[in-house]
Amino acid sequence: MSQQGSGGNVIAAICNVFIPGLGQLVQGRLGAAILFFVVCAVCYALSATLILIFMWPVGALFHLWSIISAARYNPNHI
């Protein structure tokens, strides 16, 4: 993945649409992949219990953030 908007970043962003964090895992960013997956899974699970129904927007925001993060990733920036 050479730069922002490259084919690899597009594939990673599409992976994140289905499973949050999968795109970061494809890019080799294990820490970010675990963070996005765990936060989204916990928020979605808590909202499914109907006790903490207000958690789904937080999960949705992290899900969207994971997609954007994968699409804009530039390994040479850091």
N, C-alpha and C. Protein backbone atom coordinates (compact mmCIF):
# COMPACT_ATOMS: atom_id res chain seq x y z
N MET A 1 0.83 -1.17 0.00
CA MET A 1 0.00 0.00 0.00
C MET A 1 0.88 1.24 0.00
N SER A 2 0.94 1.86 -1.12
CA SER A 2 1.91 2.92 -1.25
C SER A 2 1.41 4.28 -0.80
N GLN A 3 0.16 4.63 -1.05
CA GLN A 3 -0.29 5.97 -0.70
C GLN A 3 -1.79 5.98 -0.52
N GLN A 4 -2.28 7.09 -0.04
CA GLN A 4 -3.71 7.27 0.16
C GLN A 4 -4.44 7.13 -1.17
N GLY A 5 -5.53 6.39 -1.17
CA GLY A 5 -6.29 6.19 -2.39
C GLY A 5 -5.79 5.06 -3.25
N SER A 6 -4.76 4.35 -2.83
CA SER A 6 -4.25 3.25 -3.63
C SER A 6 -5.24 2.09 -3.59
N GLY A 7 -5.05 1.14 -4.47
CA GLY A 7 -5.95 -0.01 -4.56
C GLY A 7 -6.00 -0.80 -3.26
N GLY A 8 -4.88 -0.92 -2.58
CA GLY A 8 -4.85 -1.64 -1.32
C GLY A 8 -5.69 -0.96 -0.25
N ASN A 9 -5.67 0.36 -0.23
CA ASN A 9 -6.48 1.09 0.74
C ASN A 9 -7.97 0.96 0.44
N VAL A 10 -8.31 0.91 -0.83
CA VAL A 10 -9.72 0.74 -1.21
C VAL A 10 -10.20 -0.64 -0.77
N ILE A 11 -9.40 -1.65 -0.98
CA ILE A 11 -9.75 -3.00 -0.55
C ILE A 11 -9.89 -3.06 0.97
N ALA A 12 -8.97 -2.42 1.67
CA ALA A 12 -9.04 -2.40 3.14
C ALA A 12 -10.29 -1.69 3.62
N ALA A 13 -10.67 -0.60 2.97
CA ALA A 13 -11.88 0.12 3.35
C ALA A 13 -13.12 -0.74 3.11
N ILE A 14 -13.14 -1.46 2.01
CA ILE A 14 -14.28 -2.34 1.72
C ILE A 14 -14.34 -3.48 2.74
N CYS A 15 -13.19 -4.01 3.14
CA CYS A 15 -13.17 -5.05 4.19
C CYS A 15 -13.78 -4.52 5.48
N ASN A 16 -13.50 -3.26 5.80
CA ASN A 16 -14.03 -2.67 7.03
C ASN A 16 -15.53 -2.46 7.00
N VAL A 17 -16.11 -2.37 5.82
CA VAL A 17 -17.57 -2.23 5.74
C VAL A 17 -18.23 -3.46 6.34
N PHE A 18 -17.64 -4.63 6.12
CA PHE A 18 -18.23 -5.87 6.59
C PHE A 18 -17.84 -6.20 8.03
N ILE A 19 -16.57 -6.05 8.36
CA ILE A 19 -16.08 -6.34 9.71
C ILE A 19 -15.15 -5.21 10.12
N PRO A 20 -15.53 -4.43 11.15
CA PRO A 20 -14.65 -3.34 11.58
C PRO A 20 -13.29 -3.87 12.03
N GLY A 21 -12.23 -3.28 11.53
CA GLY A 21 -10.88 -3.68 11.90
C GLY A 21 -10.23 -4.63 10.91
N LEU A 22 -11.02 -5.25 10.05
CA LEU A 22 -10.45 -6.19 9.08
C LEU A 22 -9.54 -5.48 8.09
N GLY A 23 -9.90 -4.28 7.70
CA GLY A 23 -9.06 -3.52 6.77
C GLY A 23 -7.71 -3.17 7.38
N GLN A 24 -7.72 -2.79 8.67
CA GLN A 24 -6.46 -2.51 9.34
C GLN A 24 -5.61 -3.78 9.45
N LEU A 25 -6.26 -4.91 9.64
CA LEU A 25 -5.53 -6.17 9.69
C LEU A 25 -4.91 -6.49 8.34
N VAL A 26 -5.62 -6.21 7.27
CA VAL A 26 -5.09 -6.41 5.92
C VAL A 26 -3.88 -5.52 5.69
N GLN A 27 -3.91 -4.31 6.25
CA GLN A 27 -2.80 -3.38 6.10
C GLN A 27 -1.64 -3.69 7.05
N GLY A 28 -1.82 -4.63 7.95
CA GLY A 28 -0.76 -5.00 8.88
C GLY A 28 -0.73 -4.18 10.15
N ARG A 29 -1.81 -3.49 10.47
CA ARG A 29 -1.89 -2.66 11.67
C ARG A 29 -2.72 -3.41 12.72
N LEU A 30 -2.07 -4.30 13.45
CA LEU A 30 -2.74 -5.19 14.38
C LEU A 30 -3.39 -4.44 15.54
N GLY A 31 -2.71 -3.47 16.10
CA GLY A 31 -3.25 -2.72 17.24
C GLY A 31 -4.53 -1.99 16.88
N ALA A 32 -4.53 -1.31 15.75
CA ALA A 32 -5.72 -0.59 15.30
C ALA A 32 -6.84 -1.56 14.97
N ALA A 33 -6.50 -2.70 14.39
CA ALA A 33 -7.52 -3.70 14.05
C ALA A 33 -8.22 -4.21 15.30
N ILE A 34 -7.45 -4.52 16.32
CA ILE A 34 -8.05 -5.02 17.56
C ILE A 34 -8.90 -3.94 18.21
N LEU A 35 -8.40 -2.72 18.25
CA LEU A 35 -9.14 -1.61 18.86
C LEU A 35 -10.49 -1.40 18.18
N PHE A 36 -10.50 -1.27 16.87
CA PHE A 36 -11.75 -1.02 16.16
C PHE A 36 -12.72 -2.19 16.30
N PHE A 37 -12.21 -3.41 16.21
CA PHE A 37 -13.10 -4.56 16.31
C PHE A 37 -13.72 -4.68 17.69
N VAL A 38 -12.92 -4.54 18.72
CA VAL A 38 -13.42 -4.70 20.09
C VAL A 38 -14.41 -3.59 20.44
N VAL A 39 -14.07 -2.35 20.13
CA VAL A 39 -14.97 -1.23 20.47
C VAL A 39 -16.30 -1.38 19.74
N CYS A 40 -16.25 -1.68 18.45
CA CYS A 40 -17.50 -1.83 17.69
C CYS A 40 -18.31 -3.03 18.18
N ALA A 41 -17.65 -4.14 18.43
CA ALA A 41 -18.36 -5.34 18.89
C ALA A 41 -19.01 -5.11 20.24
N VAL A 42 -18.31 -4.47 21.15
CA VAL A 42 -18.88 -4.20 22.48
C VAL A 42 -20.05 -3.24 22.38
N CYS A 43 -19.91 -2.18 21.63
CA CYS A 43 -21.00 -1.21 21.49
C CYS A 43 -22.23 -1.83 20.83
N TYR A 44 -22.03 -2.61 19.78
CA TYR A 44 -23.16 -3.25 19.11
C TYR A 44 -23.79 -4.31 20.02
N ALA A 45 -22.99 -5.04 20.76
CA ALA A 45 -23.53 -6.06 21.67
C ALA A 45 -24.33 -5.42 22.80
N LEU A 46 -23.83 -4.32 23.34
CA LEU A 46 -24.56 -3.63 24.41
C LEU A 46 -25.87 -3.05 23.90
N SER A 47 -25.87 -2.56 22.68
CA SER A 47 -27.12 -2.00 22.16
C SER A 47 -28.11 -3.10 21.82
N ALA A 48 -27.64 -4.30 21.53
CA ALA A 48 -28.53 -5.42 21.24
C ALA A 48 -29.23 -5.92 22.50
N THR A 49 -28.68 -5.64 23.67
CA THR A 49 -29.31 -6.09 24.91
C THR A 49 -30.51 -5.23 25.28
N LEU A 50 -30.70 -4.11 24.60
CA LEU A 50 -31.77 -3.16 24.84
C LEU A 50 -31.65 -2.45 26.18
N ILE A 51 -30.65 -2.80 26.97
CA ILE A 51 -30.42 -2.08 28.22
C ILE A 51 -29.66 -0.79 27.94
N LEU A 52 -28.66 -0.89 27.10
CA LEU A 52 -27.86 0.28 26.72
C LEU A 52 -28.05 0.56 25.24
N ILE A 53 -29.29 0.79 24.83
CA ILE A 53 -29.62 0.97 23.42
C ILE A 53 -28.91 2.18 22.82
N PHE A 54 -28.53 3.13 23.67
CA PHE A 54 -27.88 4.35 23.17
C PHE A 54 -26.43 4.11 22.75
N MET A 55 -25.92 2.90 22.87
CA MET A 55 -24.52 2.62 22.50
C MET A 55 -24.34 2.41 20.99
N TRP A 56 -25.42 2.16 20.24
CA TRP A 56 -25.23 1.89 18.82
C TRP A 56 -24.66 3.07 18.05
N PRO A 57 -24.98 4.34 18.39
CA PRO A 57 -24.34 5.43 17.64
C PRO A 57 -22.82 5.48 17.86
N VAL A 58 -22.39 5.13 19.06
CA VAL A 58 -20.95 5.10 19.34
C VAL A 58 -20.29 4.02 18.48
N GLY A 59 -20.91 2.85 18.43
CA GLY A 59 -20.39 1.77 17.59
C GLY A 59 -20.38 2.14 16.12
N ALA A 60 -21.44 2.82 15.69
CA ALA A 60 -21.53 3.23 14.28
C ALA A 60 -20.45 4.26 13.95
N LEU A 61 -20.18 5.18 14.87
CA LEU A 61 -19.12 6.17 14.63
C LEU A 61 -17.75 5.51 14.55
N PHE A 62 -17.47 4.56 15.45
CA PHE A 62 -16.19 3.84 15.38
C PHE A 62 -16.10 3.01 14.11
N HIS A 63 -17.22 2.44 13.68
CA HIS A 63 -17.24 1.65 12.45
C HIS A 63 -16.89 2.55 11.26
N LEU A 64 -17.52 3.71 11.20
CA LEU A 64 -17.23 4.68 10.14
C LEU A 64 -15.77 5.15 10.21
N TRP A 65 -15.29 5.40 11.41
CA TRP A 65 -13.90 5.82 11.60
C TRP A 65 -12.94 4.75 11.10
N SER A 66 -13.25 3.48 11.33
CA SER A 66 -12.36 2.41 10.86
C SER A 66 -12.31 2.37 9.33
N ILE A 67 -13.44 2.63 8.69
CA ILE A 67 -13.47 2.64 7.22
C ILE A 67 -12.62 3.80 6.68
N ILE A 68 -12.82 4.97 7.25
CA ILE A 68 -12.06 6.15 6.80
C ILE A 68 -10.57 6.00 7.10
N SER A 69 -10.25 5.44 8.26
CA SER A 69 -8.85 5.23 8.64
C SER A 69 -8.15 4.30 7.65
N ALA A 70 -8.83 3.26 7.23
CA ALA A 70 -8.22 2.33 6.28
C ALA A 70 -8.05 2.98 4.90
N ALA A 71 -9.03 3.78 4.51
CA ALA A 71 -8.96 4.42 3.19
C ALA A 71 -7.89 5.49 3.12
N ARG A 72 -7.63 6.17 4.22
CA ARG A 72 -6.67 7.28 4.22
C ARG A 72 -5.28 6.88 4.72
N TYR A 73 -5.05 5.63 5.01
CA TYR A 73 -3.78 5.18 5.58
C TYR A 73 -2.61 5.42 4.63
N ASN A 74 -1.56 6.00 5.16
CA ASN A 74 -0.33 6.24 4.40
C ASN A 74 0.83 5.75 5.26
N PRO A 75 1.45 4.62 4.91
CA PRO A 75 2.52 4.08 5.74
C PRO A 75 3.76 4.96 5.81
N ASN A 76 3.95 5.84 4.86
CA ASN A 76 5.12 6.70 4.84
C ASN A 76 4.93 7.96 5.66
N HIS A 77 3.71 8.20 6.13
CA HIS A 77 3.41 9.41 6.88
C HIS A 77 3.99 9.38 8.30
N ILE A 78 4.05 8.22 8.88
CA ILE A 78 4.50 8.09 10.27
C ILE A 78 6.00 8.08 10.37
